[in-house]
Amino acid sequence: MDPAAGWVNSCARLRVETRPTRTPEASAMANDFLTDLKTIRARARQHIEQGPVTPGYRGQLDTILRLLNEGLATEIVCVLRYKRHYYMASGIHAQSVAAEFLQHANEEQGHADSVAQRIVQLGGSPNLNPEGLATRSHSQYDEKASLVDMIREDLVAERIAIETYSEIVRWLDNDDPTTRSLIEDILKVEEEHAEDLSTLLETLGRNKKKKR
């Protein structure tokens, strides 16, 4: 017998022998879900004015809306800080660094838009009132003059956002998977921003040493 054919036949027998069988417990769980599906369909017709917030929603809505509005304020302050740094950047390395500032500003604006949309989906109202914006924000506005100080302050702000968003993700757990996924996506970009800014600081530091 061809050894290759024997190996194929052995694998086929193994797949058959190890194929999982449905246990009575698994069948019962499936039946429970199908039975509950009728309840889900019935509940979906209730309070339809609440849109995506169904009776099965397990999140602490008031707290989540507050956290999202704080996140919105954080993103807006980040946009303003990056925009100021973009316009005020000066020096021999200003052009490339300013381009990074502008890219980050645009991405932070995208985050703000996504957070505002989620707030509305949950039946809340995005707080765009300039009064109290800095208080609601996790990060701070900055008016540093030197390019290195600008980068450093932006890096600090990104690290603050990373820390607070990570805590929000852990707190949300599985109670609001959509909001958690949104914050996780934003967190990923903030980590990329922090890496970019850290690299800029390192590069400017090396260039400064070469001039000495």
N, C-alpha and C. Protein backbone atom coordinates (compact mmCIF):
# COMPACT_ATOMS: atom_id res chain seq x y z
N MET A 1 0.84 -1.20 0.00
CA MET A 1 0.00 0.00 0.00
C MET A 1 0.87 1.24 0.00
N ASP A 2 0.46 2.22 -0.76
CA ASP A 2 1.20 3.48 -0.83
C ASP A 2 1.22 4.12 0.56
N PRO A 3 2.43 4.46 1.10
CA PRO A 3 2.52 5.06 2.44
C PRO A 3 1.71 6.34 2.55
N ALA A 4 1.71 7.15 1.47
CA ALA A 4 0.96 8.41 1.50
C ALA A 4 -0.53 8.14 1.64
N ALA A 5 -1.01 7.12 0.90
CA ALA A 5 -2.43 6.79 0.98
C ALA A 5 -2.78 6.28 2.36
N GLY A 6 -1.88 5.49 2.96
CA GLY A 6 -2.13 5.01 4.31
C GLY A 6 -2.22 6.14 5.31
N TRP A 7 -1.35 7.15 5.13
CA TRP A 7 -1.36 8.32 6.05
C TRP A 7 -2.67 9.06 5.91
N VAL A 8 -3.18 9.23 4.67
CA VAL A 8 -4.44 9.92 4.43
C VAL A 8 -5.59 9.18 5.08
N ASN A 9 -5.60 7.82 4.91
CA ASN A 9 -6.66 7.02 5.52
C ASN A 9 -6.63 7.11 7.04
N SER A 10 -5.42 7.13 7.61
CA SER A 10 -5.30 7.23 9.07
C SER A 10 -5.85 8.55 9.56
N CYS A 11 -5.53 9.64 8.83
CA CYS A 11 -6.03 10.97 9.22
C CYS A 11 -7.54 11.02 9.13
N ALA A 12 -8.10 10.37 8.08
CA ALA A 12 -9.55 10.36 7.91
C ALA A 12 -10.22 9.64 9.07
N ARG A 13 -9.63 8.49 9.49
CA ARG A 13 -10.20 7.74 10.61
C ARG A 13 -10.11 8.57 11.90
N LEU A 14 -8.98 9.28 12.06
CA LEU A 14 -8.79 10.09 13.27
C LEU A 14 -9.84 11.20 13.34
N ARG A 15 -10.12 11.82 12.18
CA ARG A 15 -11.12 12.89 12.17
C ARG A 15 -12.49 12.36 12.55
N VAL A 16 -12.81 11.17 12.06
CA VAL A 16 -14.11 10.57 12.37
C VAL A 16 -14.19 10.23 13.85
N GLU A 17 -13.08 9.63 14.38
CA GLU A 17 -13.08 9.17 15.76
C GLU A 17 -13.12 10.34 16.74
N THR A 18 -12.48 11.49 16.37
CA THR A 18 -12.38 12.62 17.30
C THR A 18 -13.43 13.67 17.04
N ARG A 19 -14.34 13.43 16.08
CA ARG A 19 -15.38 14.42 15.80
C ARG A 19 -16.28 14.56 17.02
N PRO A 20 -16.45 15.81 17.53
CA PRO A 20 -17.24 15.99 18.77
C PRO A 20 -18.69 15.61 18.54
N THR A 21 -19.27 14.99 19.53
CA THR A 21 -20.69 14.65 19.48
C THR A 21 -21.46 15.59 20.38
N ARG A 22 -22.68 15.87 20.01
CA ARG A 22 -23.50 16.80 20.79
C ARG A 22 -23.99 16.09 22.04
N THR A 23 -23.63 16.63 23.18
CA THR A 23 -24.05 16.05 24.45
C THR A 23 -25.47 16.49 24.75
N PRO A 24 -26.15 15.78 25.65
CA PRO A 24 -27.50 16.20 26.05
C PRO A 24 -27.51 17.62 26.61
N GLU A 25 -26.41 17.98 27.34
CA GLU A 25 -26.35 19.32 27.91
C GLU A 25 -26.30 20.38 26.81
N ALA A 26 -25.49 20.11 25.75
CA ALA A 26 -25.39 21.06 24.65
C ALA A 26 -26.71 21.19 23.93
N SER A 27 -27.40 20.07 23.73
CA SER A 27 -28.70 20.12 23.07
C SER A 27 -29.70 20.92 23.90
N ALA A 28 -29.63 20.74 25.22
CA ALA A 28 -30.54 21.50 26.10
C ALA A 28 -30.26 22.98 26.02
N MET A 29 -28.95 23.36 25.96
CA MET A 29 -28.60 24.78 25.86
C MET A 29 -29.12 25.36 24.56
N ALA A 30 -29.00 24.59 23.48
CA ALA A 30 -29.49 25.06 22.18
C ALA A 30 -31.00 25.27 22.24
N ASN A 31 -31.70 24.32 22.85
CA ASN A 31 -33.15 24.46 22.97
C ASN A 31 -33.52 25.66 23.83
N ASP A 32 -32.75 25.87 24.91
CA ASP A 32 -33.00 27.03 25.77
C ASP A 32 -32.86 28.32 24.99
N PHE A 33 -31.81 28.38 24.15
CA PHE A 33 -31.60 29.59 23.37
C PHE A 33 -32.75 29.80 22.39
N LEU A 34 -33.18 28.73 21.73
CA LEU A 34 -34.27 28.85 20.77
C LEU A 34 -35.56 29.28 21.46
N THR A 35 -35.78 28.75 22.66
CA THR A 35 -36.95 29.15 23.42
C THR A 35 -36.85 30.62 23.80
N ASP A 36 -35.65 31.03 24.24
CA ASP A 36 -35.45 32.41 24.65
C ASP A 36 -35.54 33.37 23.47
N LEU A 37 -35.26 32.88 22.28
CA LEU A 37 -35.34 33.71 21.09
C LEU A 37 -36.74 34.28 20.91
N LYS A 38 -37.74 33.51 21.29
CA LYS A 38 -39.12 34.02 21.22
C LYS A 38 -39.28 35.21 22.16
N THR A 39 -38.67 35.09 23.33
CA THR A 39 -38.73 36.19 24.30
C THR A 39 -37.99 37.41 23.76
N ILE A 40 -36.84 37.18 23.16
CA ILE A 40 -36.05 38.28 22.59
C ILE A 40 -36.85 39.02 21.53
N ARG A 41 -37.53 38.25 20.67
CA ARG A 41 -38.34 38.87 19.61
C ARG A 41 -39.47 39.70 20.20
N ALA A 42 -40.05 39.20 21.28
CA ALA A 42 -41.15 39.94 21.92
C ALA A 42 -40.64 41.21 22.57
N ARG A 43 -39.49 41.11 23.24
CA ARG A 43 -38.94 42.28 23.92
C ARG A 43 -38.49 43.34 22.93
N ALA A 44 -38.03 42.90 21.76
CA ALA A 44 -37.54 43.85 20.75
C ALA A 44 -38.65 44.79 20.28
N ARG A 45 -39.90 44.37 20.43
CA ARG A 45 -41.03 45.20 20.01
C ARG A 45 -41.42 46.21 21.09
N GLN A 46 -40.85 46.05 22.27
CA GLN A 46 -41.16 46.96 23.37
C GLN A 46 -40.14 48.11 23.40
N HIS A 47 -40.60 49.31 23.66
CA HIS A 47 -39.75 50.50 23.80
C HIS A 47 -38.85 50.68 22.58
N ILE A 48 -39.42 50.54 21.40
CA ILE A 48 -38.61 50.63 20.18
C ILE A 48 -38.04 52.03 19.99
N GLU A 49 -38.60 53.01 20.72
CA GLU A 49 -38.06 54.37 20.61
C GLU A 49 -36.65 54.48 21.20
N GLN A 50 -36.23 53.45 21.95
CA GLN A 50 -34.89 53.45 22.54
C GLN A 50 -33.82 52.95 21.56
N GLY A 51 -34.23 52.62 20.36
CA GLY A 51 -33.27 52.23 19.33
C GLY A 51 -32.43 51.02 19.72
N PRO A 52 -31.09 51.17 19.70
CA PRO A 52 -30.22 50.02 19.98
C PRO A 52 -30.16 49.62 21.45
N VAL A 53 -30.72 50.43 22.35
CA VAL A 53 -30.69 50.09 23.77
C VAL A 53 -31.87 49.17 24.06
N THR A 54 -31.60 47.88 24.00
CA THR A 54 -32.65 46.88 24.17
C THR A 54 -32.79 46.50 25.64
N PRO A 55 -33.86 45.77 26.01
CA PRO A 55 -34.00 45.33 27.41
C PRO A 55 -32.84 44.46 27.88
N GLY A 56 -32.12 43.85 26.94
CA GLY A 56 -30.99 43.01 27.32
C GLY A 56 -29.71 43.79 27.55
N TYR A 57 -29.74 45.12 27.35
CA TYR A 57 -28.55 45.94 27.56
C TYR A 57 -28.18 45.93 29.03
N ARG A 58 -26.92 45.61 29.34
CA ARG A 58 -26.52 45.41 30.74
C ARG A 58 -25.63 46.53 31.27
N GLY A 59 -25.31 47.51 30.42
CA GLY A 59 -24.42 48.57 30.86
C GLY A 59 -25.07 49.55 31.82
N GLN A 60 -24.25 50.18 32.65
CA GLN A 60 -24.73 51.25 33.52
C GLN A 60 -24.77 52.52 32.68
N LEU A 61 -25.94 52.75 32.09
CA LEU A 61 -26.06 53.74 31.02
C LEU A 61 -25.61 55.14 31.45
N ASP A 62 -26.06 55.60 32.60
CA ASP A 62 -25.70 56.96 33.04
C ASP A 62 -24.18 57.11 33.18
N THR A 63 -23.55 56.11 33.76
CA THR A 63 -22.10 56.17 33.93
C THR A 63 -21.38 56.11 32.60
N ILE A 64 -21.86 55.24 31.70
CA ILE A 64 -21.23 55.10 30.39
C ILE A 64 -21.36 56.41 29.60
N LEU A 65 -22.51 57.04 29.66
CA LEU A 65 -22.68 58.32 28.96
C LEU A 65 -21.76 59.39 29.54
N ARG A 66 -21.59 59.39 30.85
CA ARG A 66 -20.68 60.35 31.47
C ARG A 66 -19.24 60.11 31.01
N LEU A 67 -18.83 58.84 31.01
CA LEU A 67 -17.47 58.50 30.57
C LEU A 67 -17.26 58.85 29.10
N LEU A 68 -18.28 58.61 28.28
CA LEU A 68 -18.16 58.94 26.86
C LEU A 68 -18.05 60.45 26.66
N ASN A 69 -18.80 61.22 27.43
CA ASN A 69 -18.70 62.68 27.32
C ASN A 69 -17.34 63.18 27.81
N GLU A 70 -16.79 62.52 28.83
CA GLU A 70 -15.43 62.87 29.24
C GLU A 70 -14.43 62.51 28.14
N GLY A 71 -14.65 61.37 27.50
CA GLY A 71 -13.79 60.98 26.38
C GLY A 71 -13.92 61.96 25.23
N LEU A 72 -15.13 62.42 24.98
CA LEU A 72 -15.36 63.42 23.92
C LEU A 72 -14.59 64.69 24.22
N ALA A 73 -14.67 65.16 25.46
CA ALA A 73 -13.93 66.37 25.85
C ALA A 73 -12.43 66.15 25.70
N THR A 74 -11.96 64.96 26.07
CA THR A 74 -10.54 64.64 25.95
C THR A 74 -10.08 64.72 24.51
N GLU A 75 -10.87 64.16 23.61
CA GLU A 75 -10.50 64.17 22.19
C GLU A 75 -10.51 65.59 21.62
N ILE A 76 -11.49 66.39 22.02
CA ILE A 76 -11.56 67.77 21.53
C ILE A 76 -10.37 68.58 22.01
N VAL A 77 -10.02 68.43 23.29
CA VAL A 77 -8.85 69.14 23.81
C VAL A 77 -7.59 68.69 23.08
N CYS A 78 -7.50 67.41 22.77
CA CYS A 78 -6.35 66.90 22.02
C CYS A 78 -6.29 67.51 20.62
N VAL A 79 -7.45 67.64 19.98
CA VAL A 79 -7.50 68.29 18.66
C VAL A 79 -6.97 69.72 18.77
N LEU A 80 -7.46 70.46 19.76
CA LEU A 80 -7.05 71.86 19.92
C LEU A 80 -5.56 71.97 20.23
N ARG A 81 -5.05 71.08 21.07
CA ARG A 81 -3.63 71.14 21.43
C ARG A 81 -2.76 70.81 20.22
N TYR A 82 -3.12 69.76 19.50
CA TYR A 82 -2.34 69.39 18.32
C TYR A 82 -2.41 70.47 17.25
N LYS A 83 -3.58 71.10 17.08
CA LYS A 83 -3.71 72.16 16.08
C LYS A 83 -2.84 73.35 16.45
N ARG A 84 -2.83 73.72 17.72
CA ARG A 84 -1.97 74.83 18.13
C ARG A 84 -0.51 74.49 17.89
N HIS A 85 -0.11 73.29 18.23
CA HIS A 85 1.28 72.89 18.02
C HIS A 85 1.61 72.85 16.53
N TYR A 86 0.64 72.47 15.73
CA TYR A 86 0.85 72.45 14.27
C TYR A 86 1.15 73.85 13.75
N TYR A 87 0.37 74.82 14.18
CA TYR A 87 0.55 76.19 13.70
C TYR A 87 1.77 76.87 14.31
N MET A 88 2.11 76.50 15.53
CA MET A 88 3.19 77.20 16.24
C MET A 88 4.55 76.52 16.10
N ALA A 89 4.60 75.36 15.48
CA ALA A 89 5.87 74.65 15.35
C ALA A 89 6.85 75.47 14.52
N SER A 90 8.07 75.58 15.01
CA SER A 90 9.09 76.35 14.30
C SER A 90 10.44 75.70 14.53
N GLY A 91 11.39 76.00 13.64
CA GLY A 91 12.73 75.44 13.76
C GLY A 91 13.07 74.56 12.57
N ILE A 92 14.28 74.04 12.58
CA ILE A 92 14.77 73.29 11.44
C ILE A 92 14.00 71.99 11.20
N HIS A 93 13.46 71.40 12.25
CA HIS A 93 12.73 70.14 12.13
C HIS A 93 11.21 70.34 12.15
N ALA A 94 10.79 71.59 12.08
CA ALA A 94 9.38 71.91 12.29
C ALA A 94 8.45 71.30 11.24
N GLN A 95 8.89 71.27 10.00
CA GLN A 95 7.98 70.84 8.93
C GLN A 95 7.51 69.39 9.12
N SER A 96 8.42 68.49 9.37
CA SER A 96 8.04 67.08 9.51
C SER A 96 7.26 66.85 10.81
N VAL A 97 7.66 67.55 11.87
CA VAL A 97 6.97 67.39 13.14
C VAL A 97 5.56 67.98 13.06
N ALA A 98 5.44 69.13 12.40
CA ALA A 98 4.12 69.77 12.24
C ALA A 98 3.18 68.86 11.46
N ALA A 99 3.71 68.17 10.46
CA ALA A 99 2.88 67.24 9.68
C ALA A 99 2.35 66.12 10.58
N GLU A 100 3.18 65.68 11.51
CA GLU A 100 2.75 64.64 12.47
C GLU A 100 1.66 65.19 13.38
N PHE A 101 1.85 66.44 13.84
CA PHE A 101 0.84 67.08 14.68
C PHE A 101 -0.51 67.14 13.96
N LEU A 102 -0.48 67.53 12.71
CA LEU A 102 -1.73 67.67 11.95
C LEU A 102 -2.41 66.33 11.75
N GLN A 103 -1.63 65.30 11.44
CA GLN A 103 -2.21 63.97 11.27
C GLN A 103 -2.87 63.51 12.56
N HIS A 104 -2.20 63.72 13.68
CA HIS A 104 -2.77 63.33 14.96
C HIS A 104 -4.04 64.12 15.26
N ALA A 105 -4.03 65.41 14.94
CA ALA A 105 -5.21 66.24 15.17
C ALA A 105 -6.41 65.71 14.40
N ASN A 106 -6.18 65.35 13.15
CA ASN A 106 -7.27 64.83 12.32
C ASN A 106 -7.80 63.50 12.85
N GLU A 107 -6.90 62.66 13.33
CA GLU A 107 -7.33 61.37 13.87
C GLU A 107 -8.08 61.55 15.19
N GLU A 108 -7.66 62.51 16.00
CA GLU A 108 -8.38 62.79 17.25
C GLU A 108 -9.77 63.34 16.95
N GLN A 109 -9.90 64.12 15.88
CA GLN A 109 -11.21 64.62 15.49
C GLN A 109 -12.12 63.46 15.08
N GLY A 110 -11.55 62.50 14.39
CA GLY A 110 -12.32 61.31 14.03
C GLY A 110 -12.78 60.55 15.26
N HIS A 111 -11.93 60.48 16.28
CA HIS A 111 -12.32 59.84 17.54
C HIS A 111 -13.49 60.59 18.18
N ALA A 112 -13.38 61.91 18.20
CA ALA A 112 -14.44 62.73 18.80
C ALA A 112 -15.77 62.50 18.09
N ASP A 113 -15.73 62.43 16.77
CA ASP A 113 -16.96 62.19 16.00
C ASP A 113 -17.56 60.83 16.34
N SER A 114 -16.72 59.81 16.43
CA SER A 114 -17.20 58.45 16.73
C SER A 114 -17.81 58.38 18.12
N VAL A 115 -17.16 59.03 19.09
CA VAL A 115 -17.68 59.03 20.46
C VAL A 115 -19.01 59.76 20.52
N ALA A 116 -19.10 60.91 19.85
CA ALA A 116 -20.36 61.68 19.84
C ALA A 116 -21.49 60.85 19.23
N GLN A 117 -21.20 60.13 18.16
CA GLN A 117 -22.22 59.29 17.52
C GLN A 117 -22.68 58.18 18.46
N ARG A 118 -21.74 57.60 19.21
CA ARG A 118 -22.11 56.54 20.15
C ARG A 118 -22.99 57.09 21.27
N ILE A 119 -22.68 58.28 21.74
CA ILE A 119 -23.49 58.91 22.78
C ILE A 119 -24.94 59.05 22.30
N VAL A 120 -25.11 59.50 21.07
CA VAL A 120 -26.46 59.67 20.51
C VAL A 120 -27.15 58.31 20.36
N GLN A 121 -26.41 57.29 19.92
CA GLN A 121 -26.99 55.95 19.79
C GLN A 121 -27.54 55.44 21.11
N LEU A 122 -26.87 55.81 22.20
CA LEU A 122 -27.30 55.35 23.52
C LEU A 122 -28.36 56.25 24.13
N GLY A 123 -28.83 57.21 23.35
CA GLY A 123 -29.91 58.08 23.83
C GLY A 123 -29.43 59.28 24.61
N GLY A 124 -28.12 59.54 24.59
CA GLY A 124 -27.57 60.68 25.30
C GLY A 124 -27.39 61.88 24.41
N SER A 125 -26.76 62.91 24.95
CA SER A 125 -26.51 64.15 24.22
C SER A 125 -25.04 64.50 24.35
N PRO A 126 -24.32 64.64 23.23
CA PRO A 126 -22.91 65.00 23.31
C PRO A 126 -22.73 66.38 23.94
N ASN A 127 -21.89 66.46 24.94
CA ASN A 127 -21.65 67.73 25.61
C ASN A 127 -20.52 68.46 24.88
N LEU A 128 -20.92 69.41 24.04
CA LEU A 128 -19.95 70.19 23.26
C LEU A 128 -19.83 71.62 23.78
N ASN A 129 -20.35 71.85 24.97
CA ASN A 129 -20.29 73.18 25.56
C ASN A 129 -18.84 73.52 25.90
N PRO A 130 -18.30 74.62 25.33
CA PRO A 130 -16.91 74.99 25.63
C PRO A 130 -16.67 75.23 27.11
N GLU A 131 -17.71 75.70 27.81
CA GLU A 131 -17.57 75.94 29.23
C GLU A 131 -17.42 74.60 29.97
N GLY A 132 -16.35 74.46 30.68
CA GLY A 132 -16.08 73.22 31.41
C GLY A 132 -15.38 72.16 30.58
N LEU A 133 -15.03 72.47 29.34
CA LEU A 133 -14.39 71.49 28.47
C LEU A 133 -13.09 70.97 29.07
N ALA A 134 -12.25 71.89 29.55
CA ALA A 134 -10.96 71.49 30.13
C ALA A 134 -11.15 70.67 31.40
N THR A 135 -12.22 70.95 32.13
CA THR A 135 -12.50 70.20 33.37
C THR A 135 -12.95 68.79 33.07
N ARG A 136 -13.76 68.63 32.02
CA ARG A 136 -14.25 67.30 31.66
C ARG A 136 -13.17 66.44 31.03
N SER A 137 -12.20 67.08 30.39
CA SER A 137 -11.16 66.34 29.67
C SER A 137 -10.19 65.66 30.62
N HIS A 138 -9.74 64.47 30.23
CA HIS A 138 -8.72 63.77 31.01
C HIS A 138 -7.35 64.41 30.79
N SER A 139 -7.07 64.80 29.55
CA SER A 139 -5.78 65.43 29.24
C SER A 139 -5.89 66.94 29.33
N GLN A 140 -4.76 67.61 29.22
CA GLN A 140 -4.71 69.05 29.40
C GLN A 140 -4.33 69.77 28.12
N TYR A 141 -4.77 71.01 28.04
CA TYR A 141 -4.36 71.88 26.93
C TYR A 141 -2.95 72.38 27.23
N ASP A 142 -2.22 72.77 26.19
CA ASP A 142 -0.82 73.17 26.40
C ASP A 142 -0.44 74.30 25.46
N GLU A 143 0.39 75.20 25.96
CA GLU A 143 0.87 76.32 25.14
C GLU A 143 2.39 76.44 25.22
N LYS A 144 3.06 75.29 25.27
CA LYS A 144 4.52 75.32 25.29
C LYS A 144 5.06 75.93 23.98
N ALA A 145 6.25 76.52 24.07
CA ALA A 145 6.80 77.23 22.92
C ALA A 145 7.77 76.39 22.09
N SER A 146 8.63 75.61 22.75
CA SER A 146 9.65 74.88 22.00
C SER A 146 9.07 73.59 21.41
N LEU A 147 9.66 73.16 20.31
CA LEU A 147 9.18 71.98 19.60
C LEU A 147 9.27 70.74 20.48
N VAL A 148 10.38 70.60 21.19
CA VAL A 148 10.57 69.43 22.06
C VAL A 148 9.53 69.42 23.17
N ASP A 149 9.26 70.60 23.75
CA ASP A 149 8.26 70.67 24.82
C ASP A 149 6.87 70.34 24.30
N MET A 150 6.57 70.76 23.08
CA MET A 150 5.28 70.42 22.47
C MET A 150 5.13 68.91 22.34
N ILE A 151 6.16 68.28 21.81
CA ILE A 151 6.12 66.82 21.62
C ILE A 151 5.97 66.13 22.97
N ARG A 152 6.72 66.60 23.95
CA ARG A 152 6.68 65.98 25.27
C ARG A 152 5.29 66.09 25.89
N GLU A 153 4.66 67.27 25.79
CA GLU A 153 3.34 67.46 26.35
C GLU A 153 2.29 66.61 25.62
N ASP A 154 2.45 66.48 24.30
CA ASP A 154 1.54 65.63 23.54
C ASP A 154 1.70 64.17 23.95
N LEU A 155 2.94 63.76 24.20
CA LEU A 155 3.20 62.39 24.63
C LEU A 155 2.58 62.13 26.01
N VAL A 156 2.71 63.09 26.91
CA VAL A 156 2.09 62.96 28.23
C VAL A 156 0.58 62.80 28.09
N ALA A 157 -0.03 63.64 27.22
CA ALA A 157 -1.48 63.58 27.01
C ALA A 157 -1.90 62.23 26.45
N GLU A 158 -1.13 61.69 25.53
CA GLU A 158 -1.46 60.38 24.96
C GLU A 158 -1.35 59.29 26.02
N ARG A 159 -0.36 59.40 26.88
CA ARG A 159 -0.19 58.41 27.95
C ARG A 159 -1.35 58.47 28.94
N ILE A 160 -1.85 59.68 29.19
CA ILE A 160 -3.02 59.83 30.05
C ILE A 160 -4.23 59.15 29.40
N ALA A 161 -4.42 59.40 28.11
CA ALA A 161 -5.54 58.80 27.39
C ALA A 161 -5.43 57.28 27.38
N ILE A 162 -4.25 56.77 27.18
CA ILE A 162 -4.03 55.32 27.17
C ILE A 162 -4.43 54.71 28.51
N GLU A 163 -4.02 55.37 29.58
CA GLU A 163 -4.32 54.86 30.92
C GLU A 163 -5.82 54.89 31.20
N THR A 164 -6.47 56.01 30.92
CA THR A 164 -7.89 56.13 31.24
C THR A 164 -8.75 55.26 30.33
N TYR A 165 -8.42 55.19 29.05
CA TYR A 165 -9.19 54.35 28.14
C TYR A 165 -9.03 52.87 28.48
N SER A 166 -7.83 52.49 28.90
CA SER A 166 -7.61 51.10 29.31
C SER A 166 -8.50 50.75 30.50
N GLU A 167 -8.60 51.67 31.44
CA GLU A 167 -9.46 51.43 32.61
C GLU A 167 -10.92 51.32 32.20
N ILE A 168 -11.35 52.16 31.26
CA ILE A 168 -12.73 52.11 30.79
C ILE A 168 -13.03 50.77 30.12
N VAL A 169 -12.10 50.29 29.30
CA VAL A 169 -12.27 49.00 28.62
C VAL A 169 -12.42 47.88 29.64
N ARG A 170 -11.57 47.89 30.66
CA ARG A 170 -11.65 46.84 31.69
C ARG A 170 -12.97 46.95 32.47
N TRP A 171 -13.41 48.17 32.74
CA TRP A 171 -14.64 48.35 33.50
C TRP A 171 -15.87 47.93 32.69
N LEU A 172 -15.88 48.22 31.41
CA LEU A 172 -17.02 47.86 30.56
C LEU A 172 -17.18 46.36 30.46
N ASP A 173 -16.06 45.64 30.37
CA ASP A 173 -16.06 44.19 30.26
C ASP A 173 -17.02 43.77 29.13
N ASN A 174 -18.05 42.97 29.45
CA ASN A 174 -19.00 42.53 28.42
C ASN A 174 -20.36 43.20 28.56
N ASP A 175 -20.44 44.23 29.40
CA ASP A 175 -21.74 44.87 29.62
C ASP A 175 -22.18 45.71 28.43
N ASP A 176 -21.22 46.28 27.70
CA ASP A 176 -21.53 47.09 26.51
C ASP A 176 -20.43 46.83 25.49
N PRO A 177 -20.51 45.71 24.76
CA PRO A 177 -19.43 45.33 23.84
C PRO A 177 -19.20 46.33 22.72
N THR A 178 -20.23 47.04 22.30
CA THR A 178 -20.06 48.01 21.21
C THR A 178 -19.23 49.20 21.67
N THR A 179 -19.57 49.73 22.84
CA THR A 179 -18.79 50.85 23.38
C THR A 179 -17.38 50.41 23.70
N ARG A 180 -17.23 49.20 24.24
CA ARG A 180 -15.89 48.69 24.55
C ARG A 180 -15.05 48.58 23.28
N SER A 181 -15.66 48.08 22.20
CA SER A 181 -14.94 47.95 20.93
C SER A 181 -14.52 49.32 20.40
N LEU A 182 -15.41 50.31 20.54
CA LEU A 182 -15.08 51.67 20.10
C LEU A 182 -13.88 52.21 20.87
N ILE A 183 -13.90 52.08 22.19
CA ILE A 183 -12.80 52.58 23.01
C ILE A 183 -11.51 51.82 22.72
N GLU A 184 -11.62 50.52 22.47
CA GLU A 184 -10.44 49.73 22.12
C GLU A 184 -9.82 50.22 20.82
N ASP A 185 -10.66 50.55 19.84
CA ASP A 185 -10.15 51.06 18.56
C ASP A 185 -9.43 52.39 18.76
N ILE A 186 -10.03 53.26 19.57
CA ILE A 186 -9.42 54.56 19.85
C ILE A 186 -8.11 54.36 20.61
N LEU A 187 -8.13 53.45 21.58
CA LEU A 187 -6.94 53.16 22.38
C LEU A 187 -5.78 52.71 21.51
N LYS A 188 -6.08 51.89 20.52
CA LYS A 188 -5.03 51.40 19.63
C LYS A 188 -4.34 52.56 18.91
N VAL A 189 -5.12 53.52 18.45
CA VAL A 189 -4.55 54.67 17.74
C VAL A 189 -3.75 55.56 18.71
N GLU A 190 -4.26 55.73 19.93
CA GLU A 190 -3.54 56.54 20.92
C GLU A 190 -2.17 55.92 21.22
N GLU A 191 -2.12 54.61 21.27
CA GLU A 191 -0.84 53.94 21.50
C GLU A 191 0.11 54.19 20.32
N GLU A 192 -0.43 54.20 19.11
CA GLU A 192 0.38 54.51 17.93
C GLU A 192 0.89 55.94 18.00
N HIS A 193 0.03 56.86 18.44
CA HIS A 193 0.45 58.26 18.59
C HIS A 193 1.59 58.37 19.59
N ALA A 194 1.45 57.68 20.71
CA ALA A 194 2.50 57.73 21.74
C ALA A 194 3.82 57.20 21.20
N GLU A 195 3.74 56.14 20.42
CA GLU A 195 4.96 55.58 19.83
C GLU A 195 5.59 56.58 18.85
N ASP A 196 4.75 57.23 18.02
CA ASP A 196 5.25 58.23 17.08
C ASP A 196 5.97 59.37 17.81
N LEU A 197 5.32 59.87 18.87
CA LEU A 197 5.88 61.00 19.60
C LEU A 197 7.16 60.61 20.33
N SER A 198 7.19 59.40 20.87
CA SER A 198 8.40 58.92 21.53
C SER A 198 9.56 58.83 20.55
N THR A 199 9.26 58.38 19.34
CA THR A 199 10.29 58.29 18.30
C THR A 199 10.78 59.68 17.90
N LEU A 200 9.86 60.64 17.80
CA LEU A 200 10.25 62.01 17.47
C LEU A 200 11.18 62.59 18.53
N LEU A 201 10.83 62.37 19.80
CA LEU A 201 11.69 62.86 20.88
C LEU A 201 13.08 62.25 20.81
N GLU A 202 13.11 60.96 20.56
CA GLU A 202 14.40 60.26 20.46
C GLU A 202 15.21 60.79 19.29
N THR A 203 14.56 61.01 18.16
CA THR A 203 15.25 61.50 16.96
C THR A 203 15.79 62.91 17.18
N LEU A 204 14.97 63.78 17.75
CA LEU A 204 15.43 65.15 18.01
C LEU A 204 16.56 65.16 19.03
N GLY A 205 16.50 64.24 20.00
CA GLY A 205 17.57 64.15 20.98
C GLY A 205 18.88 63.74 20.35
N ARG A 206 18.84 62.79 19.40
CA ARG A 206 20.06 62.36 18.71
C ARG A 206 20.62 63.49 17.87
N ASN A 207 19.73 64.22 17.17
CA ASN A 207 20.18 65.32 16.31
C ASN A 207 20.84 66.42 17.15
N LYS A 208 20.31 66.65 18.34
CA LYS A 208 20.86 67.67 19.20
C LYS A 208 22.25 67.29 19.67
N LYS A 209 22.46 65.99 19.95
CA LYS A 209 23.78 65.53 20.38
C LYS A 209 24.80 65.64 19.26
N LYS A 210 24.38 65.43 18.01
CA LYS A 210 25.32 65.50 16.88
C LYS A 210 25.84 66.91 16.67
N LYS A 211 25.01 67.90 17.02
CA LYS A 211 25.42 69.29 16.81
C LYS A 211 26.44 69.75 17.83
N ARG A 212 26.54 69.05 18.95
CA ARG A 212 27.46 69.47 19.99
C ARG A 212 28.92 69.18 19.62
